């Protein structure tokens, strides 16, 4: 009987039986492609499972993986899960205080660390942990235990059979604890079960049409979006290739020539911007044809007239073929998530023969709730619900979801779980949305204050703002960056303290307005911004700021009676200034 997939690690036997291949999981590490066949991959996973058992890891043990995408990420993931332990992914650039919190909260005993920088960071955290963790490295590092030590230990356990361990893992058992930032800044451990993920990738398989054999991966596996996509590739018999880094992605795409990849909108924007720069450099008839093609692409619909398709055929031959070649030439489908995709950009990529499917979900929903696909797409929406999930819009406009992919709850936080999942099983997403066309979900706003950058990273602004306010020179601050490349801040200085600081420095204090533009004052605030950022992950750090000369107030409409920030009002009032922050940052880079 063919292998059934009811637990995530069943994907291994399923692949051995149905899709054995020479290149199952491959990754570019330090410039060299490391490739695992299905057989070699499965053998390595089993040896590592045995090695983990030899050091006392078993059902419900917690093992963390802190690594960039590479085959060993998956090897450790499967080796941990098939003996019933919980896999805890740690994002490689996490700040030390977050690492400490997660390791202690999840009671992690073993960590796999990718490289020397991560190893050193973990060593530093180990010095302050109540119970230090055992660290194994994926790269060979002097003085550190290499992960192959466990493989060797596994080889010696010839009498140990993993069947009993696998049989002891049930679909409803926890697969992974994924920590996400809460509004308070304290990470919450999302408990996802095997069944959550299996149901999610099986029912998201509508995403992949026939002809997808190679998938390129570069979004972090420590986030549930890419992890689920990789499980989906395995479920669909697609070979997985990990790009070395975002810096090498152009070369890696040309090498792999993938049929599919998942991305955040920012990368598609960058691809588009580069192509447009080349278009602007053209002259004469070539330039005319280029811009005619782009204008045509902007009007693309799922169903077009024969005359439109005739013109599109010409545009694809003369212009869009080169766009396809820039992405390897074999793209069948691109999956976009993590932040809102501009519908115009979506139409252009579709017209260029590279369909982009946008979906929606959260860590707590494993993650896909809705997704567009070939049989069911509407531009400007995040698609219809996947099978086995349902959504409804609450009275206040919040999107509620229910079904097989909803998390088991927050680890050791029944209070937060009860706040998020109501008695009828509806998960409250914190997003505002509407259902259009009878079945397509459109997200219109965020209910919570946490925002996502264009890179799909969550940022909890309050935590960063509170850190800023520890500085006497900062009176008020608002961190922003929804769908932007990086977080920025609007800062209202404490002008009384600023006056005293200026006197000390021998700076002539004129007016608050003038001082907000003063070069020495701006330099001082630049130092404050840099210093504050040290406590946060790279993606959370404020990269640009503007000083405002006037305090926010209840009367001015920027504060609630409880003195909370009315973020929407502040964003609207300072829209021009905020745009300037990001435009200046572009010019600065250019």
Protein backbone atom coordinates (compact mmCIF):
# COMPACT_ATOMS: atom_id res chain seq x y z
CA UNK A 1 0.00 0.00 0.00
CA UNK A 2 1.29 3.47 -0.89
CA UNK A 3 2.53 5.68 1.94
CA UNK A 4 -0.11 7.96 3.41
CA UNK A 5 0.86 11.42 4.60
CA UNK A 6 -0.76 12.12 7.99
CA UNK A 7 2.34 13.41 9.77
CA UNK A 8 4.88 15.74 8.18
CA UNK A 9 7.75 13.20 8.23
CA UNK A 10 5.55 10.78 6.20
CA UNK A 11 6.67 12.95 3.25
CA UNK A 12 9.97 11.02 3.28
CA UNK A 13 8.54 7.55 2.67
CA UNK A 14 6.00 9.13 0.30
CA UNK A 15 8.85 10.57 -1.79
CA UNK A 16 10.89 7.36 -1.74
CA UNK A 17 7.89 5.48 -3.14
CA UNK A 18 6.51 8.06 -5.56
CA UNK A 19 9.19 10.56 -6.62
CA UNK A 20 12.70 9.21 -5.94
CA UNK A 21 15.23 11.54 -7.54
CA UNK A 22 18.93 12.36 -7.66
CA UNK A 23 18.29 15.99 -6.69
CA UNK A 24 15.69 15.96 -3.90
CA UNK A 25 17.02 18.80 -1.73
CA UNK A 26 19.98 20.89 -2.88
CA UNK A 27 21.58 24.01 -1.47
CA UNK A 28 24.37 26.37 -2.44
CA UNK A 29 26.75 26.70 0.49
CA UNK A 30 29.85 28.91 0.22
CA UNK A 31 29.55 28.93 -3.56
CA UNK A 32 29.19 25.15 -4.00
CA UNK A 33 25.97 23.21 -4.68
CA UNK A 34 25.44 20.43 -2.12
CA UNK A 35 22.90 17.93 -3.44
CA UNK A 36 21.01 15.15 -1.69
CA UNK A 37 19.21 12.36 -3.52
CA UNK A 38 15.92 11.23 -1.93
CA UNK A 39 17.60 8.06 -0.68
CA UNK A 40 20.66 9.81 0.79
CA UNK A 41 18.47 12.46 2.42
CA UNK A 42 16.23 9.88 4.10
CA UNK A 43 19.22 7.81 5.27
CA UNK A 44 20.83 10.92 6.78
CA UNK A 45 17.59 11.90 8.56
CA UNK A 46 17.31 8.42 10.11
CA UNK A 47 20.91 8.45 11.32
CA UNK A 48 20.43 11.88 12.87
CA UNK A 49 17.22 10.74 14.59
CA UNK A 50 19.16 7.85 16.12
CA UNK A 51 21.97 10.22 17.13
CA UNK A 52 19.45 12.48 18.88
CA UNK A 53 17.95 9.48 20.69
CA UNK A 54 21.48 8.57 21.84
CA UNK A 55 21.77 11.90 23.69
CA UNK A 56 18.36 11.56 25.33
CA UNK A 57 16.09 13.38 22.87
CA UNK A 58 12.63 11.81 22.59
CA UNK A 59 8.93 12.55 22.47
CA UNK A 60 8.11 16.18 23.42
CA UNK A 61 11.81 17.15 23.76
CA UNK A 62 12.54 20.62 22.32
CA UNK A 63 15.27 21.04 19.70
CA UNK A 64 15.98 24.38 18.04
CA UNK A 65 17.40 25.09 14.58
CA UNK A 66 19.09 28.44 13.98
CA UNK A 67 20.18 28.50 10.37
CA UNK A 68 19.75 30.06 6.97
CA UNK A 69 18.15 27.87 4.29
CA UNK A 70 20.25 24.81 3.48
CA UNK A 71 19.56 21.05 3.18
CA UNK A 72 20.59 20.47 6.81
CA UNK A 73 17.70 22.67 7.95
CA UNK A 74 15.31 20.05 6.54
CA UNK A 75 17.42 17.10 7.68
CA UNK A 76 17.35 18.35 11.28
CA UNK A 77 13.65 19.24 11.00
CA UNK A 78 12.63 15.71 9.92
CA UNK A 79 15.07 14.01 12.31
CA UNK A 80 13.56 15.94 15.22
CA UNK A 81 9.92 15.46 14.23
CA UNK A 82 9.95 11.73 13.44
CA UNK A 83 10.96 10.90 17.01
CA UNK A 84 8.15 13.09 18.38
CA UNK A 85 10.31 16.01 19.53
CA UNK A 86 9.25 19.62 18.87
CA UNK A 87 11.26 21.61 16.35
CA UNK A 88 11.81 25.26 17.36
CA UNK A 89 13.04 27.47 14.50
CA UNK A 90 15.14 30.50 15.42
CA UNK A 91 15.55 33.29 12.89
CA UNK A 92 19.33 33.77 12.32
CA UNK A 93 19.33 37.51 13.08
CA UNK A 94 17.29 37.34 16.30
CA UNK A 95 18.53 39.63 19.08
CA UNK A 96 20.17 37.86 22.03
CA UNK A 97 17.39 38.75 24.53
CA UNK A 98 14.82 37.11 22.22
CA UNK A 99 16.97 34.00 21.81
CA UNK A 100 17.31 33.75 25.61
CA UNK A 101 13.55 34.13 26.11
CA UNK A 102 12.67 31.49 23.50
CA UNK A 103 15.24 28.93 24.66
CA UNK A 104 14.06 29.26 28.26
CA UNK A 105 10.34 29.48 27.51
CA UNK A 106 10.37 26.44 25.21
CA UNK A 107 12.80 24.56 27.49
CA UNK A 108 15.09 23.81 24.55
CA UNK A 109 17.95 21.38 25.31
CA UNK A 110 19.74 21.12 21.93
CA UNK A 111 20.37 23.74 19.21
CA UNK A 112 21.68 23.27 15.67
CA UNK A 113 23.63 26.38 14.65
CA UNK A 114 24.53 27.07 11.03
CA UNK A 115 27.76 29.02 11.14
CA UNK A 116 30.38 30.68 13.32
CA UNK A 117 28.50 33.98 13.77
CA UNK A 118 25.37 32.14 14.99
CA UNK A 119 27.48 29.80 17.13
CA UNK A 120 29.15 32.76 18.88
CA UNK A 121 25.78 34.43 19.46
CA UNK A 122 24.43 31.23 21.03
CA UNK A 123 27.58 30.84 23.12
CA UNK A 124 27.01 34.33 24.54
CA UNK A 125 23.37 33.48 25.35
CA UNK A 126 24.45 30.17 26.90
CA UNK A 127 26.46 32.17 29.44
CA UNK A 128 23.26 33.69 30.88
CA UNK A 129 20.86 30.72 30.56
CA UNK A 130 19.69 28.97 33.73
CA UNK A 131 20.29 25.66 31.94
CA UNK A 132 22.80 25.96 29.04
CA UNK A 133 21.86 24.25 25.78
CA UNK A 134 24.00 21.76 23.85
CA UNK A 135 25.09 23.25 20.51
CA UNK A 136 25.89 21.34 17.31
CA UNK A 137 27.12 23.28 14.29
CA UNK A 138 26.33 22.67 10.62
CA UNK A 139 29.58 24.29 9.43
CA UNK A 140 32.84 22.91 10.82
CA UNK A 141 33.99 25.33 13.53
CA UNK A 142 37.08 24.94 15.69
CA UNK A 143 36.18 23.90 19.23
CA UNK A 144 32.50 23.23 18.40
CA UNK A 145 30.69 19.89 18.12
CA UNK A 146 29.86 19.26 14.44
CA UNK A 147 26.45 17.76 13.66
CA UNK A 148 28.09 14.72 12.02
CA UNK A 149 29.07 13.58 15.54
CA UNK A 150 25.40 12.67 15.94
CA UNK A 151 25.34 10.88 12.57
CA UNK A 152 28.31 8.74 13.70
CA UNK A 153 26.52 7.99 16.98
CA UNK A 154 23.46 7.01 14.93
CA UNK A 155 25.52 4.63 12.76
CA UNK A 156 26.56 2.67 15.84
CA UNK A 157 22.96 2.08 16.96
CA UNK A 158 22.37 -0.75 14.49
CA UNK A 159 19.82 -2.45 16.75
CA UNK A 160 17.69 0.68 17.15
CA UNK A 161 14.61 0.77 14.92
CA UNK A 162 12.75 4.03 14.37
CA UNK A 163 9.40 2.43 13.49
CA UNK A 164 8.20 2.44 17.11
CA UNK A 165 9.17 6.10 17.52
CA UNK A 166 7.31 7.09 14.34
CA UNK A 167 4.26 5.06 15.36
CA UNK A 168 4.15 6.93 18.65
CA UNK A 169 3.67 10.28 16.84
CA UNK A 170 0.02 11.08 16.16
CA UNK A 171 -1.28 13.65 13.61
CA UNK A 172 -2.61 15.83 16.44
CA UNK A 173 0.80 15.94 18.19
CA UNK A 174 2.85 19.13 18.15
CA UNK A 175 5.29 19.41 15.25
CA UNK A 176 6.80 22.80 15.97
CA UNK A 177 6.81 25.79 18.29
CA UNK A 178 7.19 29.00 16.27
CA UNK A 179 7.71 32.19 18.24
CA UNK A 180 6.15 35.38 16.92
CA UNK A 181 6.36 38.89 18.35
CA UNK A 182 3.40 39.91 20.44
CA UNK A 183 2.19 43.51 20.76
CA UNK A 184 3.98 43.62 24.08
CA UNK A 185 7.16 42.50 22.37
CA UNK A 186 7.35 39.23 24.33
CA UNK A 187 7.45 36.43 21.74
CA UNK A 188 4.56 33.94 21.79
CA UNK A 189 5.10 30.27 21.00
CA UNK A 190 2.63 29.15 18.35
CA UNK A 191 1.92 25.42 18.69
CA UNK A 192 1.38 23.85 15.28
CA UNK A 193 0.57 20.17 14.92
CA UNK A 194 1.49 17.68 12.20
CA UNK A 195 -2.12 17.73 11.07
CA UNK A 196 -2.12 21.56 10.84
CA UNK A 197 0.73 21.48 8.34
CA UNK A 198 -0.32 18.35 6.44
CA UNK A 199 -3.80 19.76 5.85
CA UNK A 200 -2.31 23.09 4.86
CA UNK A 201 0.11 21.81 2.24
CA UNK A 202 -2.32 19.20 0.87
CA UNK A 203 -5.03 21.83 0.38
CA UNK A 204 -2.63 24.49 -0.91
CA UNK A 205 -1.44 22.07 -3.60
CA UNK A 206 -3.94 23.74 -6.00
CA UNK A 207 -1.21 26.39 -6.32
CA UNK A 208 1.08 24.19 -8.36
CA UNK A 209 -0.05 23.35 -11.89
CA UNK A 210 1.52 20.50 -13.92
CA UNK A 211 5.03 21.25 -15.15
CA UNK A 212 6.52 22.35 -11.82
CA UNK A 213 9.56 20.14 -11.24
CA UNK A 214 12.08 22.53 -9.70
CA UNK A 215 11.41 25.06 -6.95
CA UNK A 216 13.90 27.72 -5.89
CA UNK A 217 13.74 28.76 -2.24
CA UNK A 218 15.23 31.84 -0.59
CA UNK A 219 12.66 33.13 1.93
CA UNK A 220 13.58 32.03 5.48
CA UNK A 221 12.49 28.53 6.49
CA UNK A 222 12.23 29.79 10.07
CA UNK A 223 9.01 31.49 8.93
CA UNK A 224 6.02 29.20 8.39
CA UNK A 225 5.27 30.51 4.86
CA UNK A 226 8.43 29.15 3.22
CA UNK A 227 8.52 26.06 5.39
CA UNK A 228 5.00 25.11 4.28
CA UNK A 229 5.90 25.83 0.63
CA UNK A 230 8.89 23.47 0.86
CA UNK A 231 6.67 20.74 2.37
CA UNK A 232 4.26 21.45 -0.50
CA UNK A 233 7.07 21.01 -3.04
CA UNK A 234 7.96 17.66 -1.46
CA UNK A 235 4.30 16.60 -1.47
CA UNK A 236 4.07 17.49 -5.17
CA UNK A 237 7.31 15.76 -6.19
CA UNK A 238 9.17 19.04 -6.82
CA UNK A 239 12.95 19.20 -6.29
CA UNK A 240 13.97 21.97 -3.86
CA UNK A 241 16.98 24.26 -4.46
CA UNK A 242 18.14 26.78 -1.86
CA UNK A 243 19.73 29.96 -3.13
CA UNK A 244 22.88 30.86 -1.19
CA UNK A 245 21.66 34.34 -0.29
CA UNK A 246 19.74 37.32 -1.63
CA UNK A 247 23.04 38.61 -3.02
CA UNK A 248 23.55 35.52 -5.20
CA UNK A 249 19.94 35.11 -6.26
CA UNK A 250 20.41 36.27 -9.87
CA UNK A 251 23.16 33.71 -10.47
CA UNK A 252 21.28 31.01 -8.56
CA UNK A 253 18.10 31.53 -10.61
CA UNK A 254 20.13 31.26 -13.81
CA UNK A 255 21.75 28.04 -12.57
CA UNK A 256 18.59 26.30 -11.32
CA UNK A 257 16.17 27.70 -13.97
CA UNK A 258 13.25 27.00 -11.60
CA UNK A 259 9.63 26.47 -12.56
CA UNK A 260 8.48 28.07 -9.33
CA UNK A 261 9.54 30.19 -6.37
CA UNK A 262 7.80 31.91 -3.49
CA UNK A 263 8.59 35.50 -2.73
CA UNK A 264 7.59 38.68 -0.96
CA UNK A 265 6.33 41.58 -3.11
CA UNK A 266 9.50 43.59 -2.51
CA UNK A 267 11.60 41.21 -4.60
CA UNK A 268 9.15 41.38 -7.51
CA UNK A 269 9.23 45.18 -7.21
CA UNK A 270 13.04 45.08 -7.42
CA UNK A 271 12.95 42.83 -10.51
CA UNK A 272 10.42 45.18 -12.11
CA UNK A 273 12.45 48.31 -11.21
CA UNK A 274 15.61 46.83 -12.77
CA UNK A 275 13.76 45.89 -15.96
CA UNK A 276 12.23 49.38 -16.16
CA UNK A 277 15.67 50.99 -15.76
CA UNK A 278 16.87 48.98 -18.77
CA UNK A 279 13.73 49.99 -20.69
CA UNK A 280 14.35 53.67 -20.01
CA UNK A 281 17.88 53.33 -21.39
CA UNK A 282 16.53 52.13 -24.77
CA UNK A 283 16.15 54.49 -27.68
CA UNK A 284 14.06 54.79 -30.84
CA UNK A 285 11.71 52.02 -31.91
CA UNK A 286 12.98 49.57 -29.25
CA UNK A 287 12.03 52.01 -26.51
CA UNK A 288 8.61 52.53 -28.11
CA UNK A 289 7.91 48.79 -28.29
CA UNK A 290 9.08 48.32 -24.68
CA UNK A 291 6.70 50.91 -23.22
CA UNK A 292 3.84 49.84 -25.50
CA UNK A 293 4.24 46.32 -24.09
CA UNK A 294 4.25 47.53 -20.47
CA UNK A 295 1.13 49.67 -21.06
CA UNK A 296 -0.57 46.64 -22.64
CA UNK A 297 0.44 44.46 -19.67
CA UNK A 298 -1.15 46.89 -17.20
CA UNK A 299 -4.55 46.15 -18.78
CA UNK A 300 -4.22 42.36 -18.47
CA UNK A 301 -7.29 40.44 -17.26
CA UNK A 302 -7.71 36.73 -16.50
CA UNK A 303 -9.92 36.53 -19.62
CA UNK A 304 -8.96 38.78 -22.53
CA UNK A 305 -10.31 39.44 -26.03
CA UNK A 306 -8.73 37.67 -29.01
CA UNK A 307 -7.35 41.02 -30.20
CA UNK A 308 -5.70 41.70 -26.85
CA UNK A 309 -4.17 38.21 -26.87
CA UNK A 310 -2.93 38.80 -30.42
CA UNK A 311 -1.12 41.99 -29.29
CA UNK A 312 0.10 40.24 -26.15
CA UNK A 313 1.63 37.49 -28.30
CA UNK A 314 3.72 40.14 -30.08
CA UNK A 315 4.72 41.79 -26.77
CA UNK A 316 5.78 38.44 -25.32
CA UNK A 317 7.92 37.64 -28.34
CA UNK A 318 9.61 41.04 -28.55
CA UNK A 319 9.83 42.13 -24.90
CA UNK A 320 8.54 39.72 -22.24
CA UNK A 321 10.63 36.77 -23.41
CA UNK A 322 13.66 38.67 -22.07
CA UNK A 323 11.86 39.22 -18.75
CA UNK A 324 11.27 35.48 -18.51
CA UNK A 325 14.94 34.80 -19.26
CA UNK A 326 15.94 37.16 -16.42
CA UNK A 327 14.15 34.72 -14.07
CA UNK A 328 15.68 31.62 -15.63
CA UNK A 329 13.27 31.23 -18.56
CA UNK A 330 11.18 28.36 -17.12
CA UNK A 331 8.81 30.02 -14.64
CA UNK A 332 5.37 28.38 -14.47
CA UNK A 333 4.15 30.04 -11.26
CA UNK A 334 5.31 32.54 -8.62
CA UNK A 335 3.74 32.52 -5.14
CA UNK A 336 3.61 35.83 -3.28
CA UNK A 337 2.91 36.30 0.40
CA UNK A 338 3.99 38.12 3.52
CA UNK A 339 2.76 41.58 2.46
CA UNK A 340 0.32 43.19 0.03
CA UNK A 341 1.20 42.93 -3.66
CA UNK A 342 0.43 45.86 -5.93
CA UNK A 343 -2.36 44.60 -8.31
CA UNK A 344 -0.74 46.51 -11.21
CA UNK A 345 2.47 44.57 -10.72
CA UNK A 346 0.49 41.33 -10.54
CA UNK A 347 -1.15 42.05 -13.94
CA UNK A 348 2.21 42.90 -15.52
CA UNK A 349 3.82 39.62 -14.41
CA UNK A 350 0.80 37.64 -15.59
CA UNK A 351 0.97 39.38 -18.97
CA UNK A 352 4.68 38.61 -19.14
CA UNK A 353 3.79 34.91 -18.89
CA UNK A 354 4.80 34.50 -15.25
CA UNK A 355 1.58 34.21 -13.19
CA UNK A 356 1.84 35.44 -9.59
CA UNK A 357 -0.53 33.98 -7.01
CA UNK A 358 -1.10 35.97 -3.87
CA UNK A 359 -2.25 34.28 -0.68
CA UNK A 360 -3.00 35.20 2.91
CA UNK A 361 -2.47 33.71 6.33
CA UNK A 362 -0.61 33.93 9.61
CA UNK A 363 1.80 31.78 11.60
CA UNK A 364 -1.20 30.79 13.74
CA UNK A 365 -2.99 29.42 10.65
CA UNK A 366 -0.12 27.22 9.35
CA UNK A 367 -0.19 29.71 7.36
CA UNK A 368 -2.51 29.63 4.31
CA UNK A 369 -6.15 30.63 4.78
CA UNK A 370 -6.83 31.87 1.25
CA UNK A 371 -4.88 31.78 -2.01
CA UNK A 372 -5.41 32.61 -5.66
CA UNK A 373 -4.68 29.80 -8.14
CA UNK A 374 -5.17 29.01 -11.83
CA UNK A 375 -8.81 27.98 -11.49
CA UNK A 376 -9.74 30.84 -9.20
CA UNK A 377 -7.99 34.22 -9.31
CA UNK A 378 -9.03 37.82 -8.81
CA UNK A 379 -6.46 40.63 -8.98
CA UNK A 380 -6.31 42.82 -5.89
CA UNK A 381 -7.47 40.00 -3.60
CA UNK A 382 -5.72 37.27 -1.62
CA UNK A 383 -7.95 34.61 -3.17
CA UNK A 384 -10.67 32.20 -2.03
CA UNK A 385 -10.36 29.98 1.06
CA UNK A 386 -8.54 26.69 0.72
CA UNK A 387 -10.51 23.47 1.23
CA UNK A 388 -11.21 22.74 4.88
CA UNK A 389 -10.98 26.39 5.98
CA UNK A 390 -13.75 28.97 6.32
CA UNK A 391 -13.77 32.71 6.85
CA UNK A 392 -16.26 35.31 7.94
CA UNK A 393 -16.12 39.04 8.52
CA UNK A 394 -16.94 40.17 12.07
CA UNK A 395 -19.16 43.18 12.82
CA UNK A 396 -16.08 45.41 13.19
CA UNK A 397 -14.67 44.22 9.86
CA UNK A 398 -12.12 41.80 11.34
CA UNK A 399 -11.36 38.66 9.33
CA UNK A 400 -12.12 35.49 11.31
CA UNK A 401 -10.93 32.05 10.22
CA UNK A 402 -11.80 28.52 11.28
CA UNK A 403 -10.68 25.07 10.15
CA UNK A 404 -7.97 22.41 10.11
CA UNK A 405 -4.99 24.76 9.97
CA UNK A 406 -5.72 26.80 13.11
CA UNK A 407 -3.00 26.39 15.72
CA UNK A 408 -3.39 24.29 18.85
CA UNK A 409 -2.79 27.50 20.83
CA UNK A 410 0.01 29.62 22.30
CA UNK A 411 2.49 27.61 24.34
CA UNK A 412 1.80 27.99 28.07
CA UNK A 413 -0.41 31.02 27.36
CA UNK A 414 -4.01 29.83 27.69
CA UNK A 415 -5.02 33.44 28.38
CA UNK A 416 -3.73 34.62 24.98
CA UNK A 417 -5.17 31.58 23.23
CA UNK A 418 -8.63 32.34 24.68
CA UNK A 419 -8.30 35.97 23.50
CA UNK A 420 -7.48 34.86 19.97
CA UNK A 421 -9.65 31.79 19.38
CA UNK A 422 -13.26 32.23 20.50
CA UNK A 423 -15.56 29.56 21.95
CA UNK A 424 -16.88 28.72 18.46
CA UNK A 425 -13.35 28.02 17.19
CA UNK A 426 -12.98 31.24 15.17
CA UNK A 427 -9.45 32.59 15.05
CA UNK A 428 -9.34 36.40 15.18
CA UNK A 429 -6.71 37.46 12.63
CA UNK A 430 -6.37 41.11 13.63
CA UNK A 431 -6.79 42.11 9.97
CA UNK A 432 -9.67 44.07 8.49
CA UNK A 433 -11.09 42.74 5.25
CA UNK A 434 -14.05 42.18 2.99
CA UNK A 435 -15.30 39.42 0.71
CA UNK A 436 -15.60 40.50 -2.92
CA UNK A 437 -17.07 38.64 -5.88
CA UNK A 438 -18.80 36.29 -3.46
CA UNK A 439 -15.68 34.33 -2.50
CA UNK A 440 -12.47 36.37 -2.74
CA UNK A 441 -10.93 37.87 0.37
CA UNK A 442 -9.54 41.39 0.20
CA UNK A 443 -7.48 42.70 3.12
CA UNK A 444 -8.08 46.42 3.59
CA UNK A 445 -6.34 47.34 6.84
CA UNK A 446 -4.54 46.07 9.92
CA UNK A 447 -6.46 46.00 13.15
CA UNK A 448 -3.41 45.40 15.26
CA UNK A 449 -0.52 47.80 15.36
CA UNK A 450 2.05 45.23 14.36
CA UNK A 451 3.04 45.87 10.77
CA UNK A 452 4.84 43.98 8.05
CA UNK A 453 7.63 45.48 5.99
CA UNK A 454 7.74 44.92 2.22
CA UNK A 455 10.11 42.04 3.00
CA UNK A 456 7.30 40.31 4.91
CA UNK A 457 8.92 40.76 8.33
CA UNK A 458 6.69 41.52 11.32
CA UNK A 459 7.61 44.56 13.38
CA UNK A 460 6.01 45.35 16.75
CA UNK A 461 6.32 49.15 16.89
CA UNK A 462 5.40 49.65 20.55
CA UNK A 463 8.40 47.72 21.83
CA UNK A 464 10.77 49.84 19.74
CA UNK A 465 8.93 53.05 20.66
CA UNK A 466 9.20 52.23 24.36
CA UNK A 467 12.92 51.71 23.96
CA UNK A 468 13.24 55.11 22.24
CA UNK A 469 11.39 56.78 25.10
CA UNK A 470 14.06 55.60 27.52
CA UNK A 471 16.15 58.45 26.07
CA UNK A 472 15.50 61.79 27.75
CA UNK A 473 15.68 63.69 24.44
CA UNK A 474 12.73 61.75 22.98
CA UNK A 475 9.27 62.99 23.97
CA UNK A 476 7.07 61.09 21.49
CA UNK A 477 7.82 58.60 18.74
CA UNK A 478 5.96 56.53 16.18
CA UNK A 479 7.62 53.69 14.29
CA UNK A 480 6.13 52.96 10.88
CA UNK A 481 6.88 50.91 7.79
CA UNK A 482 3.84 48.89 6.67
CA UNK A 483 4.73 47.49 3.23
CA UNK A 484 7.86 49.68 3.15
CA UNK A 485 11.41 48.40 2.70
CA UNK A 486 12.43 49.21 6.28
CA UNK A 487 11.04 50.75 9.49
CA UNK A 488 11.27 54.54 9.91
CA UNK A 489 10.33 56.80 12.81
CA UNK A 490 8.65 60.13 13.38
CA UNK A 491 10.19 61.64 16.52
CA UNK A 492 9.01 64.60 18.59
CA UNK A 493 11.99 65.76 20.69
CA UNK A 494 11.71 66.72 24.35
CA UNK A 495 12.43 70.37 23.61
CA UNK A 496 13.11 71.31 27.26
CA UNK A 497 15.79 68.62 27.50
CA UNK A 498 17.04 69.56 24.01
CA UNK A 499 17.49 73.17 25.11
CA UNK A 500 19.63 72.03 28.06
CA UNK A 501 21.66 69.71 25.78
CA UNK A 502 22.22 72.54 23.27
CA UNK A 503 23.45 74.88 26.03
CA UNK A 504 25.95 72.24 27.20
CA UNK A 505 27.23 71.84 23.64
CA UNK A 506 27.44 75.59 23.08
CA UNK A 507 24.77 75.46 20.37
CA UNK A 508 22.67 78.59 19.99
CA UNK A 509 19.02 77.59 20.55
CA UNK A 510 16.67 79.56 18.29
CA UNK A 511 13.18 78.00 17.86
CA UNK A 512 11.89 74.44 18.15
CA UNK A 513 11.27 74.48 14.37
CA UNK A 514 14.85 75.54 13.64
CA UNK A 515 16.37 73.07 16.09
CA UNK A 516 14.47 70.17 14.47
CA UNK A 517 16.48 70.96 11.31
CA UNK A 518 19.84 71.70 13.01
CA UNK A 519 22.65 69.47 11.69
CA UNK A 520 24.17 68.81 15.16
CA UNK A 521 20.75 67.96 16.61
CA UNK A 522 20.04 65.60 13.70
CA UNK A 523 23.40 63.93 14.24
CA UNK A 524 22.62 63.45 17.94
CA UNK A 525 19.26 61.83 17.10
CA UNK A 526 21.00 59.68 14.51
CA UNK A 527 23.18 58.31 17.34
CA UNK A 528 20.06 57.71 19.48
CA UNK A 529 18.41 55.80 16.62
CA UNK A 530 21.50 53.63 16.06
CA UNK A 531 21.90 52.92 19.77
CA UNK A 532 18.23 51.99 20.18
CA UNK A 533 18.42 49.59 17.21
CA UNK A 534 21.11 47.46 18.86
CA UNK A 535 18.47 45.75 21.01
CA UNK A 536 16.46 44.58 18.04
CA UNK A 537 16.68 42.22 15.08
CA UNK A 538 18.05 43.70 11.86
CA UNK A 539 14.63 43.90 10.19
CA UNK A 540 13.17 45.80 13.19
CA UNK A 541 15.82 48.50 13.25
CA UNK A 542 14.77 52.04 12.32
CA UNK A 543 16.86 53.07 9.31
CA UNK A 544 15.55 56.64 8.78
CA UNK A 545 13.74 59.23 10.89
CA UNK A 546 12.29 62.73 10.83
CA UNK A 547 12.07 65.21 13.72
CA UNK A 548 8.73 66.97 14.20
CA UNK A 549 8.63 70.45 15.74
CA UNK A 550 5.24 70.14 17.46
CA UNK A 551 3.96 67.71 20.10
CA UNK A 552 1.06 65.40 19.34
CA UNK A 553 -2.00 66.07 21.46
CA UNK A 554 -5.61 65.04 22.12
CA UNK A 555 -6.76 68.41 20.77
CA UNK A 556 -4.63 67.98 17.66
CA UNK A 557 -6.33 64.62 17.05
CA UNK A 558 -3.10 62.58 17.20
CA UNK A 559 -3.75 61.10 20.66
CA UNK A 560 -6.71 59.26 22.18
CA UNK A 561 -8.05 60.32 25.59
CA UNK A 562 -5.87 57.53 27.02
CA UNK A 563 -2.90 59.22 25.28
CA UNK A 564 -2.40 56.32 22.87
CA UNK A 565 -1.16 57.21 19.39
CA UNK A 566 -3.81 57.48 16.69
CA UNK A 567 -1.50 55.95 14.13
CA UNK A 568 -3.76 56.41 11.14
CA UNK A 569 -4.17 60.13 11.86
CA UNK A 570 -0.42 60.63 12.33
CA UNK A 571 0.30 58.74 9.10
CA UNK A 572 -2.20 60.86 7.17
CA UNK A 573 -1.00 64.17 8.61
CA UNK A 574 2.63 63.36 7.79
CA UNK A 575 2.10 61.47 4.52
CA UNK A 576 4.26 63.85 2.45
CA UNK A 577 7.09 63.79 4.99
CA UNK A 578 6.96 59.98 5.25
CA UNK A 579 7.11 59.60 1.46
CA UNK A 580 10.11 61.96 1.45
CA UNK A 581 11.92 59.78 4.03
CA UNK A 582 11.69 56.76 1.73
CA UNK A 583 12.38 58.70 -1.50
CA UNK A 584 15.50 60.27 0.06
CA UNK A 585 16.66 56.82 1.18
CA UNK A 586 16.33 55.59 -2.44
CA UNK A 587 18.27 58.57 -3.77
CA UNK A 588 20.92 58.08 -1.10
CA UNK A 589 21.41 54.46 -2.19
CA UNK A 590 21.40 55.36 -5.84
